[in-house]
PDB file of N, CA and C in Angstrom:
ATOM      1  N   MET A   1    -143.218 -58.066 -54.371  1.00  0.00           N
ATOM      2  CA  MET A   1    -143.400 -57.646 -52.997  1.00  0.00           C
ATOM      3  C   MET A   1    -144.687 -58.232 -52.437  1.00  0.00           C
ATOM      4  N   LYS A   2    -144.664 -58.497 -51.160  1.00  0.00           N
ATOM      5  CA  LYS A   2    -145.851 -59.018 -50.480  1.00  0.00           C
ATOM      6  C   LYS A   2    -146.296 -57.990 -49.445  1.00  0.00           C
ATOM      7  N   HIS A   3    -147.491 -57.461 -49.647  1.00  0.00           N
ATOM      8  CA  HIS A   3    -148.087 -56.507 -48.727  1.00  0.00           C
ATOM      9  C   HIS A   3    -149.413 -57.081 -48.256  1.00  0.00           C
ATOM     10  N   THR A   4    -149.729 -56.867 -47.001  1.00  0.00           N
ATOM     11  CA  THR A   4    -150.904 -57.504 -46.400  1.00  0.00           C
ATOM     12  C   THR A   4    -151.855 -56.481 -45.794  1.00  0.00           C
ATOM     13  N   VAL A   5    -153.144 -56.711 -46.023  1.00  0.00           N
ATOM     14  CA  VAL A   5    -154.212 -55.990 -45.339  1.00  0.00           C
ATOM     15  C   VAL A   5    -154.918 -57.011 -44.460  1.00  0.00           C
ATOM     16  N   GLU A   6    -155.087 -56.684 -43.187  1.00  0.00           N
ATOM     17  CA  GLU A   6    -155.829 -57.547 -42.270  1.00  0.00           C
ATOM     18  C   GLU A   6    -157.042 -56.800 -41.733  1.00  0.00           C
ATOM     19  N   VAL A   7    -158.142 -57.519 -41.640  1.00  0.00           N
ATOM     20  CA  VAL A   7    -159.330 -57.021 -40.955  1.00  0.00           C
ATOM     21  C   VAL A   7    -159.666 -58.104 -39.938  1.00  0.00           C
ATOM     22  N   ASN A   8    -159.387 -57.832 -38.677  1.00  0.00           N
ATOM     23  CA  ASN A   8    -159.509 -58.848 -37.632  1.00  0.00           C
ATOM     24  C   ASN A   8    -160.613 -58.519 -36.640  1.00  0.00           C
ATOM     25  N   GLY A   9    -161.202 -59.570 -36.114  1.00  0.00           N
ATOM     26  CA  GLY A   9    -162.184 -59.406 -35.051  1.00  0.00           C
ATOM     27  C   GLY A   9    -163.512 -58.827 -35.507  1.00  0.00           C
ATOM     28  N   ILE A  10    -163.937 -59.178 -36.713  1.00  0.00           N
ATOM     29  CA  ILE A  10    -165.260 -58.750 -37.174  1.00  0.00           C
ATOM     30  C   ILE A  10    -166.277 -59.567 -36.379  1.00  0.00           C
ATOM     31  N   LYS A  11    -167.010 -58.907 -35.525  1.00  0.00           N
ATOM     32  CA  LYS A  11    -167.948 -59.601 -34.642  1.00  0.00           C
ATOM     33  C   LYS A  11    -169.363 -59.448 -35.190  1.00  0.00           C
ATOM     34  N   LEU A  12    -170.019 -60.596 -35.398  1.00  0.00           N
ATOM     35  CA  LEU A  12    -171.358 -60.606 -35.962  1.00  0.00           C
ATOM     36  C   LEU A  12    -172.232 -61.631 -35.261  1.00  0.00           C
ATOM     37  N   TYR A  13    -173.511 -61.403 -35.323  1.00  0.00           N
ATOM     38  CA  TYR A  13    -174.494 -62.370 -34.867  1.00  0.00           C
ATOM     39  C   TYR A  13    -175.126 -62.948 -36.125  1.00  0.00           C
ATOM     40  N   ALA A  14    -175.119 -64.274 -36.241  1.00  0.00           N
ATOM     41  CA  ALA A  14    -175.622 -64.912 -37.460  1.00  0.00           C
ATOM     42  C   ALA A  14    -176.328 -66.215 -37.107  1.00  0.00           C
ATOM     43  N   TYR A  15    -176.887 -66.858 -38.133  1.00  0.00           N
ATOM     44  CA  TYR A  15    -177.782 -67.999 -37.930  1.00  0.00           C
ATOM     45  C   TYR A  15    -177.314 -69.249 -38.675  1.00  0.00           C
ATOM     46  N   HIS A  16    -176.044 -69.575 -38.565  1.00  0.00           N
ATOM     47  CA  HIS A  16    -175.491 -70.740 -39.239  1.00  0.00           C
ATOM     48  C   HIS A  16    -175.542 -71.963 -38.328  1.00  0.00           C
ATOM     49  N   GLY A  17    -175.705 -73.129 -38.943  1.00  0.00           N
ATOM     50  CA  GLY A  17    -175.680 -74.361 -38.181  1.00  0.00           C
ATOM     51  C   GLY A  17    -176.626 -75.394 -38.755  1.00  0.00           C
ATOM     52  N   CYS A  18    -176.332 -76.639 -38.449  1.00  0.00           N
ATOM     53  CA  CYS A  18    -177.135 -77.755 -38.958  1.00  0.00           C
ATOM     54  C   CYS A  18    -178.416 -77.972 -38.159  1.00  0.00           C
ATOM     55  N   LEU A  19    -178.432 -77.525 -36.923  1.00  0.00           N
ATOM     56  CA  LEU A  19    -179.617 -77.722 -36.089  1.00  0.00           C
ATOM     57  C   LEU A  19    -180.664 -76.657 -36.389  1.00  0.00           C
ATOM     58  N   PRO A  20    -181.937 -77.050 -36.433  1.00  0.00           N
ATOM     59  CA  PRO A  20    -183.002 -76.070 -36.683  1.00  0.00           C
ATOM     60  C   PRO A  20    -182.980 -74.912 -35.678  1.00  0.00           C
ATOM     61  N   GLU A  21    -182.626 -75.218 -34.432  1.00  0.00           N
ATOM     62  CA  GLU A  21    -182.586 -74.189 -33.394  1.00  0.00           C
ATOM     63  C   GLU A  21    -181.564 -73.099 -33.717  1.00  0.00           C
ATOM     64  N   GLU A  22    -180.458 -73.480 -34.362  1.00  0.00           N
ATOM     65  CA  GLU A  22    -179.425 -72.499 -34.701  1.00  0.00           C
ATOM     66  C   GLU A  22    -179.949 -71.487 -35.722  1.00  0.00           C
ATOM     67  N   GLY A  23    -180.857 -71.944 -36.578  1.00  0.00           N
ATOM     68  CA  GLY A  23    -181.464 -71.049 -37.553  1.00  0.00           C
ATOM     69  C   GLY A  23    -182.469 -70.094 -36.928  1.00  0.00           C
ATOM     70  N   LYS A  24    -182.935 -70.427 -35.737  1.00  0.00           N
ATOM     71  CA  LYS A  24    -183.913 -69.583 -35.055  1.00  0.00           C
ATOM     72  C   LYS A  24    -183.278 -68.642 -34.041  1.00  0.00           C
ATOM     73  N   ILE A  25    -182.336 -69.184 -33.241  1.00  0.00           N
ATOM     74  CA  ILE A  25    -181.781 -68.356 -32.164  1.00  0.00           C
ATOM     75  C   ILE A  25    -180.435 -67.721 -32.525  1.00  0.00           C
ATOM     76  N   GLY A  26    -179.716 -68.301 -33.475  1.00  0.00           N
ATOM     77  CA  GLY A  26    -178.440 -67.738 -33.919  1.00  0.00           C
ATOM     78  C   GLY A  26    -177.332 -67.855 -32.890  1.00  0.00           C
ATOM     79  N   GLY A  27    -176.223 -67.201 -33.198  1.00  0.00           N
ATOM     80  CA  GLY A  27    -175.075 -67.250 -32.309  1.00  0.00           C
ATOM     81  C   GLY A  27    -174.035 -66.207 -32.687  1.00  0.00           C
ATOM     82  N   HIS A  28    -173.011 -66.109 -31.850  1.00  0.00           N
ATOM     83  CA  HIS A  28    -171.941 -65.133 -32.040  1.00  0.00           C
ATOM     84  C   HIS A  28    -170.802 -65.721 -32.872  1.00  0.00           C
ATOM     85  N   TYR A  29    -170.268 -64.899 -33.765  1.00  0.00           N
ATOM     86  CA  TYR A  29    -169.175 -65.283 -34.656  1.00  0.00           C
ATOM     87  C   TYR A  29    -168.129 -64.180 -34.673  1.00  0.00           C
ATOM     88  N   THR A  30    -166.885 -64.592 -34.898  1.00  0.00           N
ATOM     89  CA  THR A  30    -165.797 -63.648 -35.129  1.00  0.00           C
ATOM     90  C   THR A  30    -165.095 -64.069 -36.409  1.00  0.00           C
ATOM     91  N   ILE A  31    -164.834 -63.112 -37.281  1.00  0.00           N
ATOM     92  CA  ILE A  31    -164.195 -63.394 -38.564  1.00  0.00           C
ATOM     93  C   ILE A  31    -162.907 -62.579 -38.651  1.00  0.00           C
ATOM     94  N   ASP A  32    -161.836 -63.246 -39.062  1.00  0.00           N
ATOM     95  CA  ASP A  32    -160.541 -62.611 -39.285  1.00  0.00           C
ATOM     96  C   ASP A  32    -160.164 -62.815 -40.745  1.00  0.00           C
ATOM     97  N   VAL A  33    -159.722 -61.737 -41.387  1.00  0.00           N
ATOM     98  CA  VAL A  33    -159.368 -61.783 -42.802  1.00  0.00           C
ATOM     99  C   VAL A  33    -157.975 -61.217 -42.995  1.00  0.00           C
ATOM    100  N   ALA A  34    -157.197 -61.865 -43.847  1.00  0.00           N
ATOM    101  CA  ALA A  34    -155.911 -61.320 -44.305  1.00  0.00           C
ATOM    102  C   ALA A  34    -155.859 -61.502 -45.816  1.00  0.00           C
ATOM    103  N   VAL A  35    -155.442 -60.459 -46.510  1.00  0.00           N
ATOM    104  CA  VAL A  35    -155.263 -60.546 -47.958  1.00  0.00           C
ATOM    105  C   VAL A  35    -153.924 -59.933 -48.323  1.00  0.00           C
ATOM    106  N   THR A  36    -153.290 -60.502 -49.344  1.00  0.00           N
ATOM    107  CA  THR A  36    -152.058 -59.893 -49.834  1.00  0.00           C
ATOM    108  C   THR A  36    -152.350 -59.179 -51.138  1.00  0.00           C
ATOM    109  N   THR A  37    -151.588 -58.117 -51.345  1.00  0.00           N
ATOM    110  CA  THR A  37    -151.756 -57.262 -52.511  1.00  0.00           C
ATOM    111  C   THR A  37    -150.415 -56.586 -52.777  1.00  0.00           C
ATOM    112  N   ASP A  38    -150.416 -55.584 -53.596  1.00  0.00           N
ATOM    113  CA  ASP A  38    -149.208 -54.801 -53.875  1.00  0.00           C
ATOM    114  C   ASP A  38    -149.514 -53.339 -53.570  1.00  0.00           C
ATOM    115  N   PHE A  39    -148.877 -52.798 -52.532  1.00  0.00           N
ATOM    116  CA  PHE A  39    -149.090 -51.416 -52.112  1.00  0.00           C
ATOM    117  C   PHE A  39    -148.252 -50.416 -52.902  1.00  0.00           C
ATOM    118  N   THR A  40    -147.396 -50.866 -53.802  1.00  0.00           N
ATOM    119  CA  THR A  40    -146.405 -49.999 -54.442  1.00  0.00           C
ATOM    120  C   THR A  40    -147.021 -48.718 -54.999  1.00  0.00           C
ATOM    121  N   ALA A  41    -148.090 -48.819 -55.754  1.00  0.00           N
ATOM    122  CA  ALA A  41    -148.702 -47.618 -56.335  1.00  0.00           C
ATOM    123  C   ALA A  41    -149.233 -46.690 -55.250  1.00  0.00           C
ATOM    124  N   SER A  42    -149.840 -47.246 -54.219  1.00  0.00           N
ATOM    125  CA  SER A  42    -150.416 -46.409 -53.159  1.00  0.00           C
ATOM    126  C   SER A  42    -149.343 -45.677 -52.353  1.00  0.00           C
ATOM    127  N   PHE A  43    -148.130 -46.223 -52.317  1.00  0.00           N
ATOM    128  CA  PHE A  43    -147.031 -45.523 -51.642  1.00  0.00           C
ATOM    129  C   PHE A  43    -146.789 -44.159 -52.294  1.00  0.00           C
ATOM    130  N   GLU A  44    -146.936 -44.140 -53.602  1.00  0.00           N
ATOM    131  CA  GLU A  44    -146.677 -42.916 -54.364  1.00  0.00           C
ATOM    132  C   GLU A  44    -147.905 -42.006 -54.445  1.00  0.00           C
ATOM    133  N   THR A  45    -149.081 -42.585 -54.637  1.00  0.00           N
ATOM    134  CA  THR A  45    -150.274 -41.779 -54.926  1.00  0.00           C
ATOM    135  C   THR A  45    -151.069 -41.379 -53.693  1.00  0.00           C
ATOM    136  N   ASP A  46    -150.955 -42.159 -52.617  1.00  0.00           N
ATOM    137  CA  ASP A  46    -151.772 -41.939 -51.422  1.00  0.00           C
ATOM    138  C   ASP A  46    -153.259 -41.975 -51.784  1.00  0.00           C
ATOM    139  N   ASP A  47    -153.609 -42.880 -52.721  1.00  0.00           N
ATOM    140  CA  ASP A  47    -154.962 -42.976 -53.254  1.00  0.00           C
ATOM    141  C   ASP A  47    -155.555 -44.343 -52.914  1.00  0.00           C
ATOM    142  N   LEU A  48    -156.740 -44.339 -52.340  1.00  0.00           N
ATOM    143  CA  LEU A  48    -157.422 -45.575 -51.953  1.00  0.00           C
ATOM    144  C   LEU A  48    -157.648 -46.509 -53.132  1.00  0.00           C
ATOM    145  N   ASN A  49    -157.792 -45.967 -54.327  1.00  0.00           N
ATOM    146  CA  ASN A  49    -158.003 -46.797 -55.519  1.00  0.00           C
ATOM    147  C   ASN A  49    -156.790 -47.655 -55.862  1.00  0.00           C
ATOM    148  N   ASP A  50    -155.640 -47.354 -55.277  1.00  0.00           N
ATOM    149  CA  ASP A  50    -154.415 -48.099 -55.570  1.00  0.00           C
ATOM    150  C   ASP A  50    -154.077 -49.146 -54.518  1.00  0.00           C
ATOM    151  N   THR A  51    -155.055 -49.479 -53.675  1.00  0.00           N
ATOM    152  CA  THR A  51    -154.847 -50.506 -52.653  1.00  0.00           C
ATOM    153  C   THR A  51    -156.153 -51.287 -52.478  1.00  0.00           C
ATOM    154  N   VAL A  52    -156.202 -52.146 -51.494  1.00  0.00           N
ATOM    155  CA  VAL A  52    -157.414 -52.901 -51.179  1.00  0.00           C
ATOM    156  C   VAL A  52    -158.137 -52.166 -50.051  1.00  0.00           C
ATOM    157  N   ASP A  53    -159.368 -51.819 -50.293  1.00  0.00           N
ATOM    158  CA  ASP A  53    -160.172 -51.068 -49.330  1.00  0.00           C
ATOM    159  C   ASP A  53    -160.739 -52.033 -48.286  1.00  0.00           C
ATOM    160  N   TYR A  54    -160.320 -51.885 -47.031  1.00  0.00           N
ATOM    161  CA  TYR A  54    -160.782 -52.804 -45.998  1.00  0.00           C
ATOM    162  C   TYR A  54    -162.251 -52.593 -45.658  1.00  0.00           C
ATOM    163  N   VAL A  55    -162.830 -51.463 -46.029  1.00  0.00           N
ATOM    164  CA  VAL A  55    -164.267 -51.249 -45.853  1.00  0.00           C
ATOM    165  C   VAL A  55    -165.048 -52.229 -46.736  1.00  0.00           C
ATOM    166  N   ILE A  56    -164.560 -52.461 -47.944  1.00  0.00           N
ATOM    167  CA  ILE A  56    -165.210 -53.419 -48.856  1.00  0.00           C
ATOM    168  C   ILE A  56    -165.068 -54.839 -48.311  1.00  0.00           C
ATOM    169  N   ILE A  57    -163.896 -55.180 -47.788  1.00  0.00           N
ATOM    170  CA  ILE A  57    -163.701 -56.502 -47.174  1.00  0.00           C
ATOM    171  C   ILE A  57    -164.727 -56.712 -46.067  1.00  0.00           C
ATOM    172  N   ASN A  58    -164.848 -55.743 -45.177  1.00  0.00           N
ATOM    173  CA  ASN A  58    -165.784 -55.839 -44.066  1.00  0.00           C
ATOM    174  C   ASN A  58    -167.224 -55.984 -44.560  1.00  0.00           C
ATOM    175  N   GLN A  59    -167.601 -55.250 -45.583  1.00  0.00           N
ATOM    176  CA  GLN A  59    -168.969 -55.310 -46.101  1.00  0.00           C
ATOM    177  C   GLN A  59    -169.283 -56.672 -46.719  1.00  0.00           C
ATOM    178  N   ILE A  60    -168.323 -57.224 -47.458  1.00  0.00           N
ATOM    179  CA  ILE A  60    -168.515 -58.561 -48.040  1.00  0.00           C
ATOM    180  C   ILE A  60    -168.720 -59.588 -46.937  1.00  0.00           C
ATOM    181  N   VAL A  61    -167.898 -59.534 -45.900  1.00  0.00           N
ATOM    182  CA  VAL A  61    -168.030 -60.467 -44.776  1.00  0.00           C
ATOM    183  C   VAL A  61    -169.418 -60.330 -44.149  1.00  0.00           C
ATOM    184  N   LYS A  62    -169.834 -59.116 -43.870  1.00  0.00           N
ATOM    185  CA  LYS A  62    -171.150 -58.900 -43.265  1.00  0.00           C
ATOM    186  C   LYS A  62    -172.271 -59.417 -44.161  1.00  0.00           C
ATOM    187  N   ASP A  63    -172.203 -59.124 -45.448  1.00  0.00           N
ATOM    188  CA  ASP A  63    -173.235 -59.589 -46.384  1.00  0.00           C
ATOM    189  C   ASP A  63    -173.364 -61.107 -46.379  1.00  0.00           C
ATOM    190  N   GLU A  64    -172.238 -61.790 -46.482  1.00  0.00           N
ATOM    191  CA  GLU A  64    -172.259 -63.254 -46.579  1.00  0.00           C
ATOM    192  C   GLU A  64    -172.607 -63.917 -45.255  1.00  0.00           C
ATOM    193  N   MET A  65    -172.181 -63.330 -44.150  1.00  0.00           N
ATOM    194  CA  MET A  65    -172.515 -63.904 -42.845  1.00  0.00           C
ATOM    195  C   MET A  65    -174.010 -63.787 -42.546  1.00  0.00           C
ATOM    196  N   HIS A  66    -174.687 -62.846 -43.177  1.00  0.00           N
ATOM    197  CA  HIS A  66    -176.116 -62.688 -42.939  1.00  0.00           C
ATOM    198  C   HIS A  66    -176.970 -63.604 -43.811  1.00  0.00           C
ATOM    199  N   GLN A  67    -176.330 -64.396 -44.678  1.00  0.00           N
ATOM    200  CA  GLN A  67    -177.053 -65.413 -45.453  1.00  0.00           C
ATOM    201  C   GLN A  67    -176.822 -66.766 -44.785  1.00  0.00           C
ATOM    202  N   ARG A  68    -177.861 -67.361 -44.304  1.00  0.00           N
ATOM    203  CA  ARG A  68    -177.746 -68.607 -43.537  1.00  0.00           C
ATOM    204  C   ARG A  68    -177.092 -69.731 -44.338  1.00  0.00           C
ATOM    205  N   SER A  69    -176.202 -70.448 -43.664  1.00  0.00           N
ATOM    206  CA  SER A  69    -175.606 -71.688 -44.164  1.00  0.00           C
ATOM    207  C   SER A  69    -175.656 -72.712 -43.040  1.00  0.00           C
ATOM    208  N   LYS A  70    -175.704 -73.975 -43.401  1.00  0.00           N
ATOM    209  CA  LYS A  70    -175.609 -75.014 -42.381  1.00  0.00           C
ATOM    210  C   LYS A  70    -174.182 -75.112 -41.864  1.00  0.00           C
ATOM    211  N   LEU A  71    -173.213 -74.922 -42.759  1.00  0.00           N
ATOM    212  CA  LEU A  71    -171.803 -75.090 -42.401  1.00  0.00           C
ATOM    213  C   LEU A  71    -171.055 -73.767 -42.474  1.00  0.00           C
ATOM    214  N   ILE A  72    -170.192 -73.523 -41.487  1.00  0.00           N
ATOM    215  CA  ILE A  72    -169.372 -72.318 -41.554  1.00  0.00           C
ATOM    216  C   ILE A  72    -168.327 -72.439 -42.666  1.00  0.00           C
ATOM    217  N   GLU A  73    -168.009 -73.660 -43.071  1.00  0.00           N
ATOM    218  CA  GLU A  73    -167.142 -73.864 -44.222  1.00  0.00           C
ATOM    219  C   GLU A  73    -167.761 -73.244 -45.481  1.00  0.00           C
ATOM    220  N   HIS A  74    -169.064 -73.420 -45.621  1.00  0.00           N
ATOM    221  CA  HIS A  74    -169.797 -72.917 -46.778  1.00  0.00           C
ATOM    222  C   HIS A  74    -169.779 -71.393 -46.826  1.00  0.00           C
ATOM    223  N   VAL A  75    -170.071 -70.763 -45.701  1.00  0.00           N
ATOM    224  CA  VAL A  75    -170.080 -69.303 -45.679  1.00  0.00           C
ATOM    225  C   VAL A  75    -168.672 -68.745 -45.881  1.00  0.00           C
ATOM    226  N   ALA A  76    -167.656 -69.393 -45.336  1.00  0.00           N
ATOM    227  CA  ALA A  76    -166.272 -68.933 -45.530  1.00  0.00           C
ATOM    228  C   ALA A  76    -165.883 -68.981 -47.005  1.00  0.00           C
ATOM    229  N   LYS A  77    -166.271 -70.031 -47.696  1.00  0.00           N
ATOM    230  CA  LYS A  77    -165.967 -70.153 -49.121  1.00  0.00           C
ATOM    231  C   LYS A  77    -166.730 -69.112 -49.938  1.00  0.00           C
ATOM    232  N   ARG A  78    -167.954 -68.804 -49.556  1.00  0.00           N
ATOM    233  CA  ARG A  78    -168.695 -67.752 -50.251  1.00  0.00           C
ATOM    234  C   ARG A  78    -167.986 -66.402 -50.112  1.00  0.00           C
ATOM    235  N   ILE A  79    -167.442 -66.142 -48.936  1.00  0.00           N
ATOM    236  CA  ILE A  79    -166.704 -64.896 -48.712  1.00  0.00           C
ATOM    237  C   ILE A  79    -165.480 -64.845 -49.613  1.00  0.00           C
ATOM    238  N   ILE A  80    -164.717 -65.926 -49.652  1.00  0.00           N
ATOM    239  CA  ILE A  80    -163.533 -66.003 -50.527  1.00  0.00           C
ATOM    240  C   ILE A  80    -163.936 -65.775 -51.982  1.00  0.00           C
ATOM    241  N   ASN A  81    -165.011 -66.411 -52.406  1.00  0.00           N
ATOM    242  CA  ASN A  81    -165.469 -66.250 -53.794  1.00  0.00           C
ATOM    243  C   ASN A  81    -165.830 -64.808 -54.110  1.00  0.00           C
ATOM    244  N   ARG A  82    -166.452 -64.117 -53.173  1.00  0.00           N
ATOM    245  CA  ARG A  82    -166.778 -62.701 -53.387  1.00  0.00           C
ATOM    246  C   ARG A  82    -165.496 -61.871 -53.482  1.00  0.00           C
ATOM    247  N   PHE A  83    -164.502 -62.169 -52.652  1.00  0.00           N
ATOM    248  CA  PHE A  83    -163.229 -61.451 -52.759  1.00  0.00           C
ATOM    249  C   PHE A  83    -162.659 -61.615 -54.164  1.00  0.00           C
ATOM    250  N   LYS A  84    -162.674 -62.865 -54.660  1.00  0.00           N
ATOM    251  CA  LYS A  84    -162.134 -63.149 -55.999  1.00  0.00           C
ATOM    252  C   LYS A  84    -162.867 -62.370 -57.079  1.00  0.00           C
ATOM    253  N   SER A  85    -164.171 -62.300 -56.979  1.00  0.00           N
ATOM    254  CA  SER A  85    -164.945 -61.679 -58.053  1.00  0.00           C
ATOM    255  C   SER A  85    -165.048 -60.162 -57.946  1.00  0.00           C
ATOM    256  N   GLU A  86    -164.854 -59.605 -56.756  1.00  0.00           N
ATOM    257  CA  GLU A  86    -165.108 -58.178 -56.576  1.00  0.00           C
ATOM    258  C   GLU A  86    -163.886 -57.321 -56.266  1.00  0.00           C
ATOM    259  N   ILE A  87    -162.778 -57.940 -55.861  1.00  0.00           N
ATOM    260  CA  ILE A  87    -161.589 -57.153 -55.499  1.00  0.00           C
ATOM    261  C   ILE A  87    -160.422 -57.657 -56.337  1.00  0.00           C
ATOM    262  N   ASP A  88    -160.122 -56.951 -57.408  1.00  0.00           N
ATOM    263  CA  ASP A  88    -159.137 -57.452 -58.371  1.00  0.00           C
ATOM    264  C   ASP A  88    -157.682 -57.315 -57.929  1.00  0.00           C
ATOM    265  N   LYS A  89    -157.406 -56.591 -56.877  1.00  0.00           N
ATOM    266  CA  LYS A  89    -156.018 -56.378 -56.453  1.00  0.00           C
ATOM    267  C   LYS A  89    -155.499 -57.437 -55.470  1.00  0.00           C
ATOM    268  N   ILE A  90    -156.346 -58.396 -55.103  1.00  0.00           N
ATOM    269  CA  ILE A  90    -155.938 -59.419 -54.129  1.00  0.00           C
ATOM    270  C   ILE A  90    -155.178 -60.540 -54.830  1.00  0.00           C
ATOM    271  N   HIS A  91    -154.047 -60.943 -54.222  1.00  0.00           N
ATOM    272  CA  HIS A  91    -153.250 -62.060 -54.737  1.00  0.00           C
ATOM    273  C   HIS A  91    -153.506 -63.362 -53.956  1.00  0.00           C
ATOM    274  N   TRP A  92    -153.802 -63.208 -52.675  1.00  0.00           N
ATOM    275  CA  TRP A  92    -153.979 -64.351 -51.778  1.00  0.00           C
ATOM    276  C   TRP A  92    -154.898 -63.898 -50.653  1.00  0.00           C
ATOM    277  N   ALA A  93    -155.699 -64.821 -50.124  1.00  0.00           N
ATOM    278  CA  ALA A  93    -156.583 -64.475 -49.006  1.00  0.00           C
ATOM    279  C   ALA A  93    -156.634 -65.614 -47.997  1.00  0.00           C
ATOM    280  N   ARG A  94    -156.818 -65.218 -46.753  1.00  0.00           N
ATOM    281  CA  ARG A  94    -157.015 -66.159 -45.646  1.00  0.00           C
ATOM    282  C   ARG A  94    -158.210 -65.659 -44.849  1.00  0.00           C
ATOM    283  N   ILE A  95    -159.150 -66.546 -44.592  1.00  0.00           N
ATOM    284  CA  ILE A  95    -160.305 -66.193 -43.773  1.00  0.00           C
ATOM    285  C   ILE A  95    -160.463 -67.230 -42.674  1.00  0.00           C
ATOM    286  N   LYS A  96    -160.742 -66.738 -41.496  1.00  0.00           N
ATOM    287  CA  LYS A  96    -161.020 -67.606 -40.348  1.00  0.00           C
ATOM    288  C   LYS A  96    -162.390 -67.217 -39.813  1.00  0.00           C
ATOM    289  N   VAL A  97    -163.304 -68.182 -39.799  1.00  0.00           N
ATOM    290  CA  VAL A  97    -164.634 -67.979 -39.250  1.00  0.00           C
ATOM    291  C   VAL A  97    -164.709 -68.772 -37.948  1.00  0.00           C
ATOM    292  N   THR A  98    -164.942 -68.063 -36.850  1.00  0.00           N
ATOM    293  CA  THR A  98    -165.010 -68.683 -35.523  1.00  0.00           C
ATOM    294  C   THR A  98    -166.447 -68.625 -35.019  1.00  0.00           C
ATOM    295  N   LYS A  99    -166.953 -69.783 -34.631  1.00  0.00           N
ATOM    296  CA  LYS A  99    -168.302 -69.890 -34.057  1.00  0.00           C
ATOM    297  C   LYS A  99    -168.141 -70.070 -32.552  1.00  0.00           C
ATOM    298  N   HIS A 100    -168.680 -69.125 -31.792  1.00  0.00           N
ATOM    299  CA  HIS A 100    -168.548 -69.155 -30.340  1.00  0.00           C
ATOM    300  C   HIS A 100    -169.659 -69.993 -29.714  1.00  0.00           C
ATOM    301  N   CYS A 101    -169.326 -70.696 -28.662  1.00  0.00           N
ATOM    302  CA  CYS A 101    -170.276 -71.534 -27.920  1.00  0.00           C
ATOM    303  C   CYS A 101    -171.060 -72.474 -28.828  1.00  0.00           C
ATOM    304  N   PRO A 102    -170.370 -73.320 -29.588  1.00  0.00           N
ATOM    305  CA  PRO A 102    -171.086 -74.227 -30.488  1.00  0.00           C
ATOM    306  C   PRO A 102    -171.910 -75.240 -29.691  1.00  0.00           C
ATOM    307  N   PRO A 103    -173.029 -75.685 -30.259  1.00  0.00           N
ATOM    308  CA  PRO A 103    -173.885 -76.630 -29.546  1.00  0.00           C
ATOM    309  C   PRO A 103    -173.370 -78.064 -29.661  1.00  0.00           C
ATOM    310  N   ILE A 104    -172.225 -78.303 -29.024  1.00  0.00           N
ATOM    311  CA  ILE A 104    -171.663 -79.654 -29.000  1.00  0.00           C
ATOM    312  C   ILE A 104    -171.435 -80.043 -27.552  1.00  0.00           C
ATOM    313  N   GLU A 105    -171.412 -81.332 -27.311  1.00  0.00           N
ATOM    314  CA  GLU A 105    -171.236 -81.821 -25.952  1.00  0.00           C
ATOM    315  C   GLU A 105    -169.817 -81.542 -25.473  1.00  0.00           C
ATOM    316  N   GLY A 106    -169.707 -81.036 -24.293  1.00  0.00           N
ATOM    317  CA  GLY A 106    -168.393 -80.759 -23.713  1.00  0.00           C
ATOM    318  C   GLY A 106    -168.195 -79.271 -23.479  1.00  0.00           C
ATOM    319  N   ASP A 107    -167.088 -78.941 -22.855  1.00  0.00           N
ATOM    320  CA  ASP A 107    -166.752 -77.564 -22.519  1.00  0.00           C
ATOM    321  C   ASP A 107    -165.877 -77.001 -23.638  1.00  0.00           C
ATOM    322  N   VAL A 108    -166.501 -76.368 -24.621  1.00  0.00           N
ATOM    323  CA  VAL A 108    -165.807 -75.867 -25.807  1.00  0.00           C
ATOM    324  C   VAL A 108    -166.110 -74.376 -25.966  1.00  0.00           C
ATOM    325  N   ASP A 109    -165.070 -73.565 -26.022  1.00  0.00           N
ATOM    326  CA  ASP A 109    -165.261 -72.122 -26.218  1.00  0.00           C
ATOM    327  C   ASP A 109    -165.751 -71.794 -27.623  1.00  0.00           C
ATOM    328  N   ASP A 110    -165.073 -72.392 -28.617  1.00  0.00           N
ATOM    329  CA  ASP A 110    -165.424 -72.081 -29.994  1.00  0.00           C
ATOM    330  C   ASP A 110    -164.864 -73.132 -30.935  1.00  0.00           C
ATOM    331  N   VAL A 111    -165.361 -73.080 -32.164  1.00  0.00           N
ATOM    332  CA  VAL A 111    -164.818 -73.880 -33.259  1.00  0.00           C
ATOM    333  C   VAL A 111    -164.544 -72.906 -34.402  1.00  0.00           C
ATOM    334  N   ALA A 112    -163.607 -73.260 -35.280  1.00  0.00           N
ATOM    335  CA  ALA A 112    -163.262 -72.350 -36.364  1.00  0.00           C
ATOM    336  C   ALA A 112    -162.869 -73.137 -37.600  1.00  0.00           C
ATOM    337  N   VAL A 113    -163.080 -72.494 -38.754  1.00  0.00           N
ATOM    338  CA  VAL A 113    -162.567 -73.006 -40.025  1.00  0.00           C
ATOM    339  C   VAL A 113    -161.688 -71.915 -40.632  1.00  0.00           C
ATOM    340  N   ILE A 114    -160.652 -72.367 -41.331  1.00  0.00           N
ATOM    341  CA  ILE A 114    -159.736 -71.445 -42.006  1.00  0.00           C
ATOM    342  C   ILE A 114    -159.602 -71.887 -43.453  1.00  0.00           C
ATOM    343  N   ILE A 115    -159.751 -70.911 -44.347  1.00  0.00           N
ATOM    344  CA  ILE A 115    -159.525 -71.155 -45.764  1.00  0.00           C
ATOM    345  C   ILE A 115    -158.428 -70.199 -46.240  1.00  0.00           C
ATOM    346  N   GLU A 116    -157.442 -70.731 -46.943  1.00  0.00           N
ATOM    347  CA  GLU A 116    -156.417 -69.923 -47.579  1.00  0.00           C
ATOM    348  C   GLU A 116    -156.425 -70.239 -49.057  1.00  0.00           C
ATOM    349  N   GLU A 117    -156.449 -69.202 -49.899  1.00  0.00           N
ATOM    350  CA  GLU A 117    -156.450 -69.427 -51.339  1.00  0.00           C
ATOM    351  C   GLU A 117    -155.580 -68.413 -52.057  1.00  0.00           C
ATOM    352  N   GLN A 118    -154.859 -68.914 -53.047  1.00  0.00           N
ATOM    353  CA  GLN A 118    -154.076 -68.084 -53.960  1.00  0.00           C
ATOM    354  C   GLN A 118    -154.994 -67.643 -55.097  1.00  0.00           C
ATOM    355  N   PHE A 119    -154.956 -66.380 -55.485  1.00  0.00           N
ATOM    356  CA  PHE A 119    -155.852 -65.878 -56.514  1.00  0.00           C
ATOM    357  C   PHE A 119    -155.189 -65.783 -57.880  1.00  0.00           C
ATOM    358  N   ASP A 120    -153.892 -65.784 -57.933  1.00  0.00           N
ATOM    359  CA  ASP A 120    -153.183 -65.626 -59.231  1.00  0.00           C
ATOM    360  C   ASP A 120    -153.265 -66.874 -60.061  1.00  0.00           C
TER     361      ASP A 120
END
């Protein structure tokens, strides 16, 4: 069975970017996460220990987003790695890190990276 937990629209202010100014002034980010797991046990037990706790997902995202990286690819991969090492019930994960108002020439709302990984 494929069961999914999503945590969407995690809004954070962080200091990622290759330009020195980005490390000083920061910017707005939105992170969307989806993970697959097996809810079967939780259907019967109604126990949080038998599913993936989205509070932990949110905390991992916040922790990693607050550590500066030059690339949003780097921070997204760190988040995935933490999911792998800390949440044993995940089978697959998808993370999208969106950087709003990037400092690039032109009229651009945002840029984003997406990582999808199988954990099995």
